Protein backbone atom coordinates (compact mmCIF):
# COMPACT_ATOMS: atom_id res chain seq x y z
CA MET A 1 -1.88 -23.14 -14.18
CA SER A 2 -0.13 -22.52 -10.87
CA ASP A 3 -0.51 -19.44 -8.71
CA PRO A 4 2.10 -16.75 -9.29
CA ARG A 5 4.91 -16.78 -6.73
CA ILE A 6 5.28 -12.99 -6.43
CA ARG A 7 2.14 -11.07 -5.45
CA VAL A 8 1.57 -7.49 -4.39
CA TYR A 9 -1.45 -6.74 -2.20
CA TYR A 10 -2.50 -3.16 -1.51
CA THR A 11 -3.93 -1.85 1.74
CA ALA A 12 -4.96 1.58 2.95
CA THR A 13 -5.65 3.31 6.22
CA VAL A 14 -8.00 6.22 5.60
CA THR A 15 -8.42 8.94 8.21
CA THR A 16 -11.43 11.19 7.61
CA LEU A 17 -12.20 14.38 9.54
CA ASP A 18 -15.86 14.17 10.58
CA GLY A 19 -16.26 17.35 12.66
CA SER A 20 -17.23 15.45 15.80
CA ASP A 21 -15.75 15.84 19.27
CA THR A 22 -14.26 12.32 19.45
CA ASN A 23 -11.39 10.57 17.77
CA ALA A 24 -11.55 7.20 16.01
CA TYR A 25 -11.28 5.44 19.37
CA GLY A 26 -14.24 7.28 20.95
CA GLU A 27 -12.01 9.46 23.10
CA PRO A 28 -12.76 13.16 23.52
CA CYS A 29 -10.76 15.54 21.36
CA GLU A 30 -10.74 19.23 20.46
CA PRO A 31 -14.35 20.23 19.57
CA GLY A 32 -14.97 19.86 15.84
CA GLN A 33 -11.65 18.07 15.24
CA GLY A 34 -12.96 14.49 15.45
CA TYR A 35 -12.11 11.82 12.92
CA THR A 36 -12.78 8.25 11.88
CA VAL A 37 -10.34 5.63 10.64
CA ALA A 38 -11.00 2.76 8.23
CA ASP A 39 -8.45 0.26 7.02
CA GLY A 40 -8.19 -2.87 4.95
CA TYR A 41 -7.38 -4.14 1.48
CA VAL A 42 -7.96 -1.95 -1.56
CA ASP A 43 -7.94 -2.60 -5.30
CA PRO A 44 -4.66 -1.58 -6.94
CA ASP A 45 -6.47 0.71 -9.40
CA TRP A 46 -8.14 2.54 -6.47
CA SER A 47 -11.54 2.28 -8.16
CA VAL A 48 -12.81 0.90 -4.87
CA PHE A 49 -11.54 3.13 -2.10
CA GLU A 50 -13.52 1.79 0.82
CA PRO A 51 -10.88 -0.34 2.56
CA GLU A 52 -13.14 -1.72 5.26
CA LYS A 53 -15.30 -3.39 2.59
CA ILE A 54 -12.63 -5.52 0.88
CA THR A 55 -11.28 -8.70 2.44
CA ARG A 56 -7.99 -10.26 1.40
CA GLU A 57 -9.92 -13.03 -0.32
CA ARG A 58 -11.76 -10.44 -2.46
CA ALA A 59 -8.75 -8.16 -3.00
CA THR A 60 -7.25 -7.80 -6.42
CA PHE A 61 -3.48 -8.13 -6.46
CA ASP A 62 -0.67 -7.56 -8.90
CA THR A 63 1.54 -10.45 -9.93
CA VAL A 64 4.97 -10.77 -11.46
CA SER A 65 5.86 -13.88 -13.39
CA ASP A 66 9.04 -15.85 -12.75
CA SER A 67 9.46 -15.88 -16.53
CA ASP A 68 9.66 -12.07 -16.63
CA PRO A 69 13.19 -11.13 -17.76
CA ASP A 70 13.42 -8.47 -15.00
CA PRO A 71 10.93 -9.32 -12.24
CA ILE A 72 12.44 -6.84 -9.77
CA GLY A 73 12.33 -4.04 -12.34
CA ARG A 74 8.70 -4.92 -13.07
CA LEU A 75 7.89 -4.71 -9.33
CA VAL A 76 9.54 -1.28 -9.07
CA GLU A 77 7.47 -0.03 -12.03
CA ARG A 78 4.25 -1.59 -10.79
CA ILE A 79 4.52 -0.21 -7.24
CA HIS A 80 5.50 3.25 -8.52
CA ASP A 81 2.61 3.27 -11.01
CA ARG A 82 0.13 2.26 -8.31
CA ILE A 83 1.12 4.41 -5.33
CA GLY A 84 3.98 6.69 -6.37
CA TRP A 85 7.32 6.98 -4.62
CA VAL A 86 7.38 5.25 -1.33
CA HIS A 87 8.91 4.81 2.08
CA LEU A 88 10.30 1.29 2.39
CA ASP A 89 10.22 -0.86 5.48
CA TYR A 90 10.77 -4.48 6.39
CA SER A 91 8.28 -6.46 8.40
CA GLU A 92 7.10 -10.00 7.79
CA HIS A 93 7.10 -9.05 4.12
CA LEU A 94 8.72 -6.10 2.40
CA TYR A 95 6.24 -3.30 2.00
CA ALA A 96 6.18 0.18 0.54
CA GLN A 97 4.13 3.05 1.92
CA HIS A 98 2.97 6.38 0.50
CA THR A 99 0.56 8.94 1.95
CA ARG A 100 -2.02 10.80 -0.12
CA THR A 101 -3.89 13.78 1.26
CA GLU A 102 -7.04 15.47 0.04
CA PRO A 103 -9.31 17.95 1.87
CA GLY A 104 -10.65 16.27 5.01
CA ARG A 105 -9.05 12.92 4.29
CA GLU A 106 -5.64 11.28 4.38
CA ALA A 107 -4.80 7.82 3.12
CA SER A 108 -1.72 5.82 3.97
CA LEU A 109 -1.32 3.42 1.07
CA CYS A 110 0.81 0.29 1.34
CA ALA A 111 2.01 -2.27 -1.16
CA HIS A 112 2.77 -5.61 0.50
CA VAL A 113 5.11 -7.76 -1.56
CA HIS A 114 4.81 -11.50 -0.92
CA GLY A 115 6.85 -14.33 -2.37
CA LEU A 116 10.30 -12.77 -2.61
CA ASN A 117 13.35 -14.58 -1.34
CA ASP A 118 15.87 -12.57 0.73
CA ARG A 119 18.07 -11.75 -2.28
CA GLU A 120 15.07 -10.51 -4.28
CA ALA A 121 13.77 -8.42 -1.36
CA LEU A 122 17.14 -6.71 -1.02
CA ALA A 123 17.34 -6.15 -4.79
CA LEU A 124 13.83 -4.62 -4.79
CA HIS A 125 14.77 -2.31 -1.91
CA ASP A 126 17.97 -1.22 -3.68
CA ARG A 127 16.25 -0.66 -7.05
CA ILE A 128 13.48 1.48 -5.52
CA LYS A 129 16.03 3.55 -3.59
CA ALA A 130 18.12 4.02 -6.74
CA ALA A 131 15.05 5.03 -8.79
CA GLN A 132 14.02 7.58 -6.15
CA THR A 133 17.53 9.07 -6.12
CA VAL A 134 17.48 9.86 -9.84
CA ALA A 135 13.85 11.00 -9.96
């Protein structure tokens, strides 16, 4: 069985207030307003939310089959189900970003979509934008 062409990897950058007097880079900050930052791959079900502990090789990813009758629709559903409505951006690969906040912690969650051709990437972008407009 061959590897699926379309894969979605999830990453997070988690900023945690730690009450220290330094920021994540060791620089002085307002007393008691210090924070740490951890980032890396996360499991799409968020059962493991320690991003610095998961490498890409160990990361779980979502896949969409070429035989799916609506692969772009499936991607829209999958990304929405995993991280909610998103801000879209283009880099090396299309990715979607959403920020979650809880007391003392903020997580910037990203879905990185690999394996799309240019037409599919544009269709995914348009379908997510359309879905957000009607939501």
